PDB file of all heavy atoms in Angstrom:
ATOM      1  N   CYS A   1      26.488 -70.992 171.564  1.00  0.00           N
ATOM      2  CA  CYS A   1      25.896 -71.939 170.618  1.00  0.00           C
ATOM      3  C   CYS A   1      25.865 -73.370 171.150  1.00  0.00           C
ATOM      4  O   CYS A   1      25.153 -74.217 170.615  1.00  0.00           O
ATOM      5  CB  CYS A   1      26.611 -71.877 169.269  1.00  0.00           C
ATOM      6  SG  CYS A   1      28.359 -72.306 169.350  1.00  0.00           S
ATOM      7  N   ASN A   2      26.618 -73.661 172.196  1.00  0.00           N
ATOM      8  CA  ASN A   2      26.608 -74.991 172.803  1.00  0.00           C
ATOM      9  C   ASN A   2      25.681 -75.073 174.009  1.00  0.00           C
ATOM     10  O   ASN A   2      25.607 -76.105 174.669  1.00  0.00           O
ATOM     11  CB  ASN A   2      28.029 -75.396 173.222  1.00  0.00           C
ATOM     12  CG  ASN A   2      28.934 -75.547 172.024  1.00  0.00           C
ATOM     13  OD1 ASN A   2      28.561 -76.160 171.030  1.00  0.00           O
ATOM     14  ND2 ASN A   2      30.112 -74.960 172.097  1.00  0.00           N
ATOM     15  N   GLY A   3      24.991 -73.979 174.320  1.00  0.00           N
ATOM     16  CA  GLY A   3      24.050 -73.984 175.425  1.00  0.00           C
ATOM     17  C   GLY A   3      24.653 -73.643 176.768  1.00  0.00           C
ATOM     18  O   GLY A   3      24.009 -73.796 177.793  1.00  0.00           O
ATOM     19  N   TYR A   4      25.883 -73.193 176.774  1.00  0.00           N
ATOM     20  CA  TYR A   4      26.543 -72.811 178.023  1.00  0.00           C
ATOM     21  C   TYR A   4      26.572 -71.296 178.151  1.00  0.00           C
ATOM     22  O   TYR A   4      26.328 -70.571 177.189  1.00  0.00           O
ATOM     23  CB  TYR A   4      27.973 -73.353 178.073  1.00  0.00           C
ATOM     24  CG  TYR A   4      28.050 -74.847 178.162  1.00  0.00           C
ATOM     25  CD1 TYR A   4      28.472 -75.599 177.076  1.00  0.00           C
ATOM     26  CD2 TYR A   4      27.705 -75.515 179.333  1.00  0.00           C
ATOM     27  CE1 TYR A   4      28.553 -76.982 177.156  1.00  0.00           C
ATOM     28  CE2 TYR A   4      27.783 -76.892 179.419  1.00  0.00           C
ATOM     29  CZ  TYR A   4      28.207 -77.620 178.328  1.00  0.00           C
ATOM     30  OH  TYR A   4      28.281 -78.981 178.407  1.00  0.00           O
ATOM     31  N   ILE A   5      26.946 -70.824 179.322  1.00  0.00           N
ATOM     32  CA  ILE A   5      27.060 -69.387 179.540  1.00  0.00           C
ATOM     33  C   ILE A   5      28.198 -68.827 178.690  1.00  0.00           C
ATOM     34  O   ILE A   5      29.267 -69.408 178.591  1.00  0.00           O
ATOM     35  CB  ILE A   5      27.288 -69.063 181.036  1.00  0.00           C
ATOM     36  CG1 ILE A   5      27.211 -67.557 181.284  1.00  0.00           C
ATOM     37  CG2 ILE A   5      28.590 -69.637 181.541  1.00  0.00           C
ATOM     38  CD1 ILE A   5      27.171 -67.185 182.737  1.00  0.00           C
ATOM     39  N   ASN A   6      27.916 -67.714 178.035  1.00  0.00           N
ATOM     40  CA  ASN A   6      28.898 -67.021 177.223  1.00  0.00           C
ATOM     41  C   ASN A   6      29.385 -65.828 178.044  1.00  0.00           C
ATOM     42  O   ASN A   6      28.742 -64.772 178.064  1.00  0.00           O
ATOM     43  CB  ASN A   6      28.264 -66.569 175.912  1.00  0.00           C
ATOM     44  CG  ASN A   6      29.233 -65.839 175.010  1.00  0.00           C
ATOM     45  OD1 ASN A   6      30.256 -65.329 175.453  1.00  0.00           O
ATOM     46  ND2 ASN A   6      28.895 -65.769 173.732  1.00  0.00           N
ATOM     47  N   LYS A   7      30.494 -65.995 178.738  1.00  0.00           N
ATOM     48  CA  LYS A   7      30.987 -64.950 179.643  1.00  0.00           C
ATOM     49  C   LYS A   7      31.360 -63.675 178.902  1.00  0.00           C
ATOM     50  O   LYS A   7      31.224 -62.580 179.448  1.00  0.00           O
ATOM     51  CB  LYS A   7      32.148 -65.477 180.473  1.00  0.00           C
ATOM     52  CG  LYS A   7      31.694 -66.539 181.464  1.00  0.00           C
ATOM     53  CD  LYS A   7      32.813 -67.008 182.347  1.00  0.00           C
ATOM     54  CE  LYS A   7      32.267 -68.065 183.302  1.00  0.00           C
ATOM     55  NZ  LYS A   7      33.283 -68.544 184.231  1.00  0.00           N
ATOM     56  N   THR A   8      31.780 -63.810 177.660  1.00  0.00           N
ATOM     57  CA  THR A   8      32.087 -62.626 176.863  1.00  0.00           C
ATOM     58  C   THR A   8      30.820 -61.809 176.633  1.00  0.00           C
ATOM     59  O   THR A   8      30.831 -60.578 176.732  1.00  0.00           O
ATOM     60  CB  THR A   8      32.726 -63.023 175.516  1.00  0.00           C
ATOM     61  OG1 THR A   8      33.908 -63.787 175.780  1.00  0.00           O
ATOM     62  CG2 THR A   8      33.072 -61.804 174.684  1.00  0.00           C
ATOM     63  N   ALA A   9      29.726 -62.486 176.341  1.00  0.00           N
ATOM     64  CA  ALA A   9      28.451 -61.792 176.142  1.00  0.00           C
ATOM     65  C   ALA A   9      27.967 -61.156 177.440  1.00  0.00           C
ATOM     66  O   ALA A   9      27.456 -60.037 177.432  1.00  0.00           O
ATOM     67  CB  ALA A   9      27.403 -62.769 175.606  1.00  0.00           C
ATOM     68  N   VAL A  10      28.123 -61.864 178.550  1.00  0.00           N
ATOM     69  CA  VAL A  10      27.722 -61.299 179.848  1.00  0.00           C
ATOM     70  C   VAL A  10      28.495 -60.016 180.108  1.00  0.00           C
ATOM     71  O   VAL A  10      27.915 -58.981 180.465  1.00  0.00           O
ATOM     72  CB  VAL A  10      27.941 -62.312 180.999  1.00  0.00           C
ATOM     73  CG1 VAL A  10      27.635 -61.669 182.342  1.00  0.00           C
ATOM     74  CG2 VAL A  10      27.099 -63.565 180.800  1.00  0.00           C
ATOM     75  N   LYS A  11      29.811 -60.065 179.913  1.00  0.00           N
ATOM     76  CA  LYS A  11      30.644 -58.874 180.131  1.00  0.00           C
ATOM     77  C   LYS A  11      30.224 -57.739 179.190  1.00  0.00           C
ATOM     78  O   LYS A  11      30.182 -56.575 179.583  1.00  0.00           O
ATOM     79  CB  LYS A  11      32.118 -59.204 179.934  1.00  0.00           C
ATOM     80  CG  LYS A  11      32.689 -60.032 181.061  1.00  0.00           C
ATOM     81  CD  LYS A  11      34.140 -60.385 180.809  1.00  0.00           C
ATOM     82  CE  LYS A  11      34.637 -61.332 181.896  1.00  0.00           C
ATOM     83  NZ  LYS A  11      35.988 -61.798 181.641  1.00  0.00           N
ATOM     84  N   TYR A  12      29.914 -58.100 177.951  1.00  0.00           N
ATOM     85  CA  TYR A  12      29.484 -57.091 176.983  1.00  0.00           C
ATOM     86  C   TYR A  12      28.230 -56.363 177.467  1.00  0.00           C
ATOM     87  O   TYR A  12      28.186 -55.139 177.514  1.00  0.00           O
ATOM     88  CB  TYR A  12      29.228 -57.730 175.613  1.00  0.00           C
ATOM     89  CG  TYR A  12      28.546 -56.811 174.637  1.00  0.00           C
ATOM     90  CD1 TYR A  12      29.263 -55.807 173.987  1.00  0.00           C
ATOM     91  CD2 TYR A  12      27.190 -56.936 174.379  1.00  0.00           C
ATOM     92  CE1 TYR A  12      28.629 -54.950 173.088  1.00  0.00           C
ATOM     93  CE2 TYR A  12      26.555 -56.079 173.487  1.00  0.00           C
ATOM     94  CZ  TYR A  12      27.270 -55.096 172.854  1.00  0.00           C
ATOM     95  OH  TYR A  12      26.644 -54.247 171.975  1.00  0.00           O
ATOM     96  N   TRP A  13      27.198 -57.130 177.818  1.00  0.00           N
ATOM     97  CA  TRP A  13      25.935 -56.515 178.225  1.00  0.00           C
ATOM     98  C   TRP A  13      26.070 -55.717 179.514  1.00  0.00           C
ATOM     99  O   TRP A  13      25.470 -54.659 179.660  1.00  0.00           O
ATOM    100  CB  TRP A  13      24.836 -57.565 178.355  1.00  0.00           C
ATOM    101  CG  TRP A  13      24.358 -58.043 177.030  1.00  0.00           C
ATOM    102  CD1 TRP A  13      24.588 -59.260 176.459  1.00  0.00           C
ATOM    103  CD2 TRP A  13      23.587 -57.305 176.087  1.00  0.00           C
ATOM    104  NE1 TRP A  13      24.012 -59.321 175.218  1.00  0.00           N
ATOM    105  CE2 TRP A  13      23.386 -58.132 174.971  1.00  0.00           C
ATOM    106  CE3 TRP A  13      23.049 -56.024 176.069  1.00  0.00           C
ATOM    107  CZ2 TRP A  13      22.669 -57.722 173.854  1.00  0.00           C
ATOM    108  CZ3 TRP A  13      22.325 -55.612 174.956  1.00  0.00           C
ATOM    109  CH2 TRP A  13      22.152 -56.456 173.858  1.00  0.00           C
ATOM    110  N   ILE A  14      26.860 -56.209 180.439  1.00  0.00           N
ATOM    111  CA  ILE A  14      27.000 -55.517 181.726  1.00  0.00           C
ATOM    112  C   ILE A  14      27.990 -54.362 181.636  1.00  0.00           C
ATOM    113  O   ILE A  14      27.726 -53.269 182.133  1.00  0.00           O
ATOM    114  CB  ILE A  14      27.386 -56.510 182.836  1.00  0.00           C
ATOM    115  CG1 ILE A  14      26.206 -57.452 183.098  1.00  0.00           C
ATOM    116  CG2 ILE A  14      27.774 -55.772 184.114  1.00  0.00           C
ATOM    117  CD1 ILE A  14      26.492 -58.583 184.049  1.00  0.00           C
ATOM    118  N   ASP A  15      29.118 -54.588 180.998  1.00  0.00           N
ATOM    119  CA  ASP A  15      30.156 -53.552 180.951  1.00  0.00           C
ATOM    120  C   ASP A  15      29.824 -52.466 179.927  1.00  0.00           C
ATOM    121  O   ASP A  15      29.935 -51.279 180.228  1.00  0.00           O
ATOM    122  CB  ASP A  15      31.508 -54.186 180.644  1.00  0.00           C
ATOM    123  CG  ASP A  15      32.672 -53.327 181.083  1.00  0.00           C
ATOM    124  OD1 ASP A  15      32.512 -52.528 182.025  1.00  0.00           O
ATOM    125  OD2 ASP A  15      33.755 -53.462 180.488  1.00  0.00           O
ATOM    126  N   GLU A  16      29.396 -52.874 178.743  1.00  0.00           N
ATOM    127  CA  GLU A  16      29.133 -51.894 177.685  1.00  0.00           C
ATOM    128  C   GLU A  16      27.777 -51.199 177.859  1.00  0.00           C
ATOM    129  O   GLU A  16      27.658 -50.001 177.738  1.00  0.00           O
ATOM    130  CB  GLU A  16      29.205 -52.569 176.310  1.00  0.00           C
ATOM    131  CG  GLU A  16      28.838 -51.670 175.152  1.00  0.00           C
ATOM    132  CD  GLU A  16      29.791 -50.490 174.951  1.00  0.00           C
ATOM    133  OE1 GLU A  16      30.966 -50.589 175.332  1.00  0.00           O
ATOM    134  OE2 GLU A  16      29.348 -49.448 174.414  1.00  0.00           O
ATOM    135  N   TRP A  17      26.729 -51.973 178.146  1.00  0.00           N
ATOM    136  CA  TRP A  17      25.374 -51.424 178.198  1.00  0.00           C
ATOM    137  C   TRP A  17      24.844 -51.252 179.615  1.00  0.00           C
ATOM    138  O   TRP A  17      23.746 -50.758 179.800  1.00  0.00           O
ATOM    139  CB  TRP A  17      24.426 -52.280 177.355  1.00  0.00           C
ATOM    140  CG  TRP A  17      24.801 -52.185 175.910  1.00  0.00           C
ATOM    141  CD1 TRP A  17      25.448 -53.130 175.166  1.00  0.00           C
ATOM    142  CD2 TRP A  17      24.614 -51.060 175.056  1.00  0.00           C
ATOM    143  NE1 TRP A  17      25.672 -52.664 173.901  1.00  0.00           N
ATOM    144  CE2 TRP A  17      25.153 -51.383 173.804  1.00  0.00           C
ATOM    145  CE3 TRP A  17      24.035 -49.807 175.224  1.00  0.00           C
ATOM    146  CZ2 TRP A  17      25.146 -50.513 172.728  1.00  0.00           C
ATOM    147  CZ3 TRP A  17      24.018 -48.934 174.156  1.00  0.00           C
ATOM    148  CH2 TRP A  17      24.567 -49.295 172.920  1.00  0.00           C
ATOM    149  N   LYS A  18      25.597 -51.706 180.611  1.00  0.00           N
ATOM    150  CA  LYS A  18      25.258 -51.515 182.037  1.00  0.00           C
ATOM    151  C   LYS A  18      23.926 -52.145 182.415  1.00  0.00           C
ATOM    152  O   LYS A  18      23.228 -51.688 183.304  1.00  0.00           O
ATOM    153  CB  LYS A  18      25.232 -50.019 182.410  1.00  0.00           C
ATOM    154  CG  LYS A  18      26.310 -49.149 181.807  1.00  0.00           C
ATOM    155  CD  LYS A  18      27.700 -49.632 182.105  1.00  0.00           C
ATOM    156  CE  LYS A  18      28.738 -48.657 181.521  1.00  0.00           C
ATOM    157  NZ  LYS A  18      30.032 -49.239 181.352  1.00  0.00           N
ATOM    158  N   VAL A  19      23.548 -53.230 181.721  1.00  0.00           N
ATOM    159  CA  VAL A  19      22.263 -53.893 181.940  1.00  0.00           C
ATOM    160  C   VAL A  19      22.135 -54.321 183.404  1.00  0.00           C
ATOM    161  O   VAL A  19      23.042 -54.906 183.976  1.00  0.00           O
ATOM    162  CB  VAL A  19      22.113 -55.109 180.993  1.00  0.00           C
ATOM    163  CG1 VAL A  19      20.912 -55.955 181.362  1.00  0.00           C
ATOM    164  CG2 VAL A  19      22.003 -54.629 179.554  1.00  0.00           C
ATOM    165  N   GLY A  20      20.974 -54.028 183.989  1.00  0.00           N
ATOM    166  CA  GLY A  20      20.762 -54.305 185.400  1.00  0.00           C
ATOM    167  C   GLY A  20      19.865 -55.484 185.686  1.00  0.00           C
ATOM    168  O   GLY A  20      19.698 -55.864 186.847  1.00  0.00           O
ATOM    169  N   SER A  21      19.270 -56.090 184.637  1.00  0.00           N
ATOM    170  CA  SER A  21      18.320 -57.163 184.896  1.00  0.00           C
ATOM    171  C   SER A  21      18.250 -58.124 183.715  1.00  0.00           C
ATOM    172  O   SER A  21      18.326 -57.712 182.558  1.00  0.00           O
ATOM    173  CB  SER A  21      16.933 -56.565 185.152  1.00  0.00           C
ATOM    174  OG  SER A  21      15.983 -57.565 185.390  1.00  0.00           O
ATOM    175  N   PHE A  22      18.101 -59.403 184.056  1.00  0.00           N
ATOM    176  CA  PHE A  22      17.924 -60.448 183.043  1.00  0.00           C
ATOM    177  C   PHE A  22      16.649 -61.220 183.353  1.00  0.00           C
ATOM    178  O   PHE A  22      16.255 -61.346 184.506  1.00  0.00           O
ATOM    179  CB  PHE A  22      19.128 -61.399 183.027  1.00  0.00           C
ATOM    180  CG  PHE A  22      20.399 -60.714 182.626  1.00  0.00           C
ATOM    181  CD1 PHE A  22      21.311 -60.292 183.577  1.00  0.00           C
ATOM    182  CD2 PHE A  22      20.666 -60.459 181.296  1.00  0.00           C
ATOM    183  CE1 PHE A  22      22.480 -59.641 183.214  1.00  0.00           C
ATOM    184  CE2 PHE A  22      21.836 -59.799 180.922  1.00  0.00           C
ATOM    185  CZ  PHE A  22      22.738 -59.390 181.884  1.00  0.00           C
ATOM    186  N   LEU A  23      16.010 -61.730 182.320  1.00  0.00           N
ATOM    187  CA  LEU A  23      14.747 -62.443 182.449  1.00  0.00           C
ATOM    188  C   LEU A  23      14.833 -63.781 181.743  1.00  0.00           C
ATOM    189  O   LEU A  23      15.380 -63.873 180.653  1.00  0.00           O
ATOM    190  CB  LEU A  23      13.616 -61.621 181.816  1.00  0.00           C
ATOM    191  CG  LEU A  23      12.262 -62.318 181.675  1.00  0.00           C
ATOM    192  CD1 LEU A  23      11.651 -62.546 183.041  1.00  0.00           C
ATOM    193  CD2 LEU A  23      11.331 -61.498 180.802  1.00  0.00           C
ATOM    194  N   GLU A  24      14.257 -64.802 182.382  1.00  0.00           N
ATOM    195  CA  GLU A  24      14.071 -66.111 181.772  1.00  0.00           C
ATOM    196  C   GLU A  24      15.083 -67.135 182.243  1.00  0.00           C
ATOM    197  O   GLU A  24      15.866 -66.900 183.137  1.00  0.00           O
ATOM    198  CB  GLU A  24      14.135 -66.036 180.247  1.00  0.00           C
ATOM    199  CG  GLU A  24      12.823 -66.011 179.539  1.00  0.00           C
ATOM    200  CD  GLU A  24      11.866 -67.146 179.832  1.00  0.00           C
ATOM    201  OE1 GLU A  24      12.215 -68.201 180.389  1.00  0.00           O
ATOM    202  OE2 GLU A  24      10.705 -66.975 179.486  1.00  0.00           O
ATOM    203  N   THR A  25      15.037 -68.270 181.549  1.00  0.00           N
ATOM    204  CA  THR A  25      15.914 -69.391 181.840  1.00  0.00           C
ATOM    205  C   THR A  25      16.761 -69.723 180.623  1.00  0.00           C
ATOM    206  O   THR A  25      16.274 -69.623 179.489  1.00  0.00           O
ATOM    207  CB  THR A  25      15.096 -70.624 182.261  1.00  0.00           C
ATOM    208  OG1 THR A  25      15.990 -71.719 182.449  1.00  0.00           O
ATOM    209  CG2 THR A  25      14.071 -71.005 181.223  1.00  0.00           C
ATOM    210  N   PRO A  26      18.002 -70.092 180.820  1.00  0.00           N
ATOM    211  CA  PRO A  26      18.845 -70.461 179.681  1.00  0.00           C
ATOM    212  C   PRO A  26      18.287 -71.650 178.896  1.00  0.00           C
ATOM    213  O   PRO A  26      18.509 -71.759 177.693  1.00  0.00           O
ATOM    214  CB  PRO A  26      20.182 -70.831 180.318  1.00  0.00           C
ATOM    215  CG  PRO A  26      20.150 -70.266 181.688  1.00  0.00           C
ATOM    216  CD  PRO A  26      18.719 -70.149 182.085  1.00  0.00           C
ATOM    217  N   GLY A  27      17.548 -72.523 179.544  1.00  0.00           N
ATOM    218  CA  GLY A  27      16.999 -73.704 178.884  1.00  0.00           C
ATOM    219  C   GLY A  27      16.062 -73.377 177.745  1.00  0.00           C
ATOM    220  O   GLY A  27      15.891 -74.158 176.815  1.00  0.00           O
ATOM    221  N   ASN A  28      15.413 -72.227 177.797  1.00  0.00           N
ATOM    222  CA  ASN A  28      14.494 -71.823 176.735  1.00  0.00           C
ATOM    223  C   ASN A  28      15.220 -71.282 175.514  1.00  0.00           C
ATOM    224  O   ASN A  28      14.596 -70.996 174.514  1.00  0.00           O
ATOM    225  CB  ASN A  28      13.546 -70.737 177.238  1.00  0.00           C
ATOM    226  CG  ASN A  28      12.363 -71.318 177.936  1.00  0.00           C
ATOM    227  OD1 ASN A  28      12.228 -72.531 178.028  1.00  0.00           O
ATOM    228  ND2 ASN A  28      11.515 -70.472 178.463  1.00  0.00           N
ATOM    229  N   HIS A  29      16.508 -71.124 175.620  1.00  0.00           N
ATOM    230  CA  HIS A  29      17.266 -70.500 174.539  1.00  0.00           C
ATOM    231  C   HIS A  29      18.386 -71.430 174.081  1.00  0.00           C
ATOM    232  O   HIS A  29      19.546 -71.052 174.057  1.00  0.00           O
ATOM    233  CB  HIS A  29      17.811 -69.156 175.014  1.00  0.00           C
ATOM    234  CG  HIS A  29      16.720 -68.266 175.500  1.00  0.00           C
ATOM    235  ND1 HIS A  29      15.914 -67.538 174.670  1.00  0.00           N
ATOM    236  CD2 HIS A  29      16.243 -68.051 176.752  1.00  0.00           C
ATOM    237  CE1 HIS A  29      15.025 -66.894 175.375  1.00  0.00           C
ATOM    238  NE2 HIS A  29      15.201 -67.186 176.645  1.00  0.00           N
ATOM    239  N   ASN A  30      18.002 -72.644 173.758  1.00  0.00           N
ATOM    240  CA  ASN A  30      18.950 -73.671 173.331  1.00  0.00           C
ATOM    241  C   ASN A  30      19.994 -73.956 174.400  1.00  0.00           C
ATOM    242  O   ASN A  30      21.135 -74.262 174.102  1.00  0.00           O
ATOM    243  CB  ASN A  30      19.621 -73.291 172.011  1.00  0.00           C
ATOM    244  CG  ASN A  30      18.610 -73.161 170.899  1.00  0.00           C
ATOM    245  OD1 ASN A  30      17.696 -73.970 170.802  1.00  0.00           O
ATOM    246  ND2 ASN A  30      18.741 -72.138 170.087  1.00  0.00           N
ATOM    247  N   GLY A  31      19.558 -73.820 175.658  1.00  0.00           N
ATOM    248  CA  GLY A  31      20.455 -74.118 176.767  1.00  0.00           C
ATOM    249  C   GLY A  31      20.851 -75.583 176.762  1.00  0.00           C
ATOM    250  O   GLY A  31      20.189 -76.432 176.161  1.00  0.00           O
ATOM    251  N   ARG A  32      21.925 -75.884 177.429  1.00  0.00           N
ATOM    252  CA  ARG A  32      22.450 -77.251 177.468  1.00  0.00           C
ATOM    253  C   ARG A  32      21.441 -78.225 178.066  1.00  0.00           C
ATOM    254  O   ARG A  32      21.372 -79.374 177.682  1.00  0.00           O
ATOM    255  CB  ARG A  32      23.742 -77.242 178.291  1.00  0.00           C
ATOM    256  CG  ARG A  32      24.408 -78.561 178.361  1.00  0.00           C
ATOM    257  CD  ARG A  32      25.279 -78.771 177.135  1.00  0.00           C
ATOM    258  NE  ARG A  32      26.066 -79.961 177.329  1.00  0.00           N
ATOM    259  CZ  ARG A  32      26.160 -80.921 176.434  1.00  0.00           C
ATOM    260  NH1 ARG A  32      25.563 -80.809 175.275  1.00  0.00           N
ATOM    261  NH2 ARG A  32      26.886 -81.979 176.672  1.00  0.00           N
ATOM    262  N   TYR A  33      20.665 -77.744 179.023  1.00  0.00           N
ATOM    263  CA  TYR A  33      19.662 -78.577 179.692  1.00  0.00           C
ATOM    264  C   TYR A  33      18.295 -77.942 179.483  1.00  0.00           C
ATOM    265  O   TYR A  33      18.147 -76.741 179.620  1.00  0.00           O
ATOM    266  CB  TYR A  33      19.959 -78.656 181.192  1.00  0.00           C
ATOM    267  CG  TYR A  33      21.384 -79.060 181.482  1.00  0.00           C
ATOM    268  CD1 TYR A  33      22.349 -78.113 181.788  1.00  0.00           C
ATOM    269  CD2 TYR A  33      21.781 -80.392 181.401  1.00  0.00           C
ATOM    270  CE1 TYR A  33      23.665 -78.472 182.029  1.00  0.00           C
ATOM    271  CE2 TYR A  33      23.096 -80.758 181.635  1.00  0.00           C
ATOM    272  CZ  TYR A  33      24.031 -79.795 181.945  1.00  0.00           C
ATOM    273  OH  TYR A  33      25.324 -80.148 182.164  1.00  0.00           O
TER     274      TYR A  33
END
């Protein structure tokens, strides 16, 4: 919610769902910059 990387969410998507690819830029999603 502050526009920074959420490492818990990253671990969730990779560890739980084994996601192999991400698309886009954090800036488009209320990123800090």
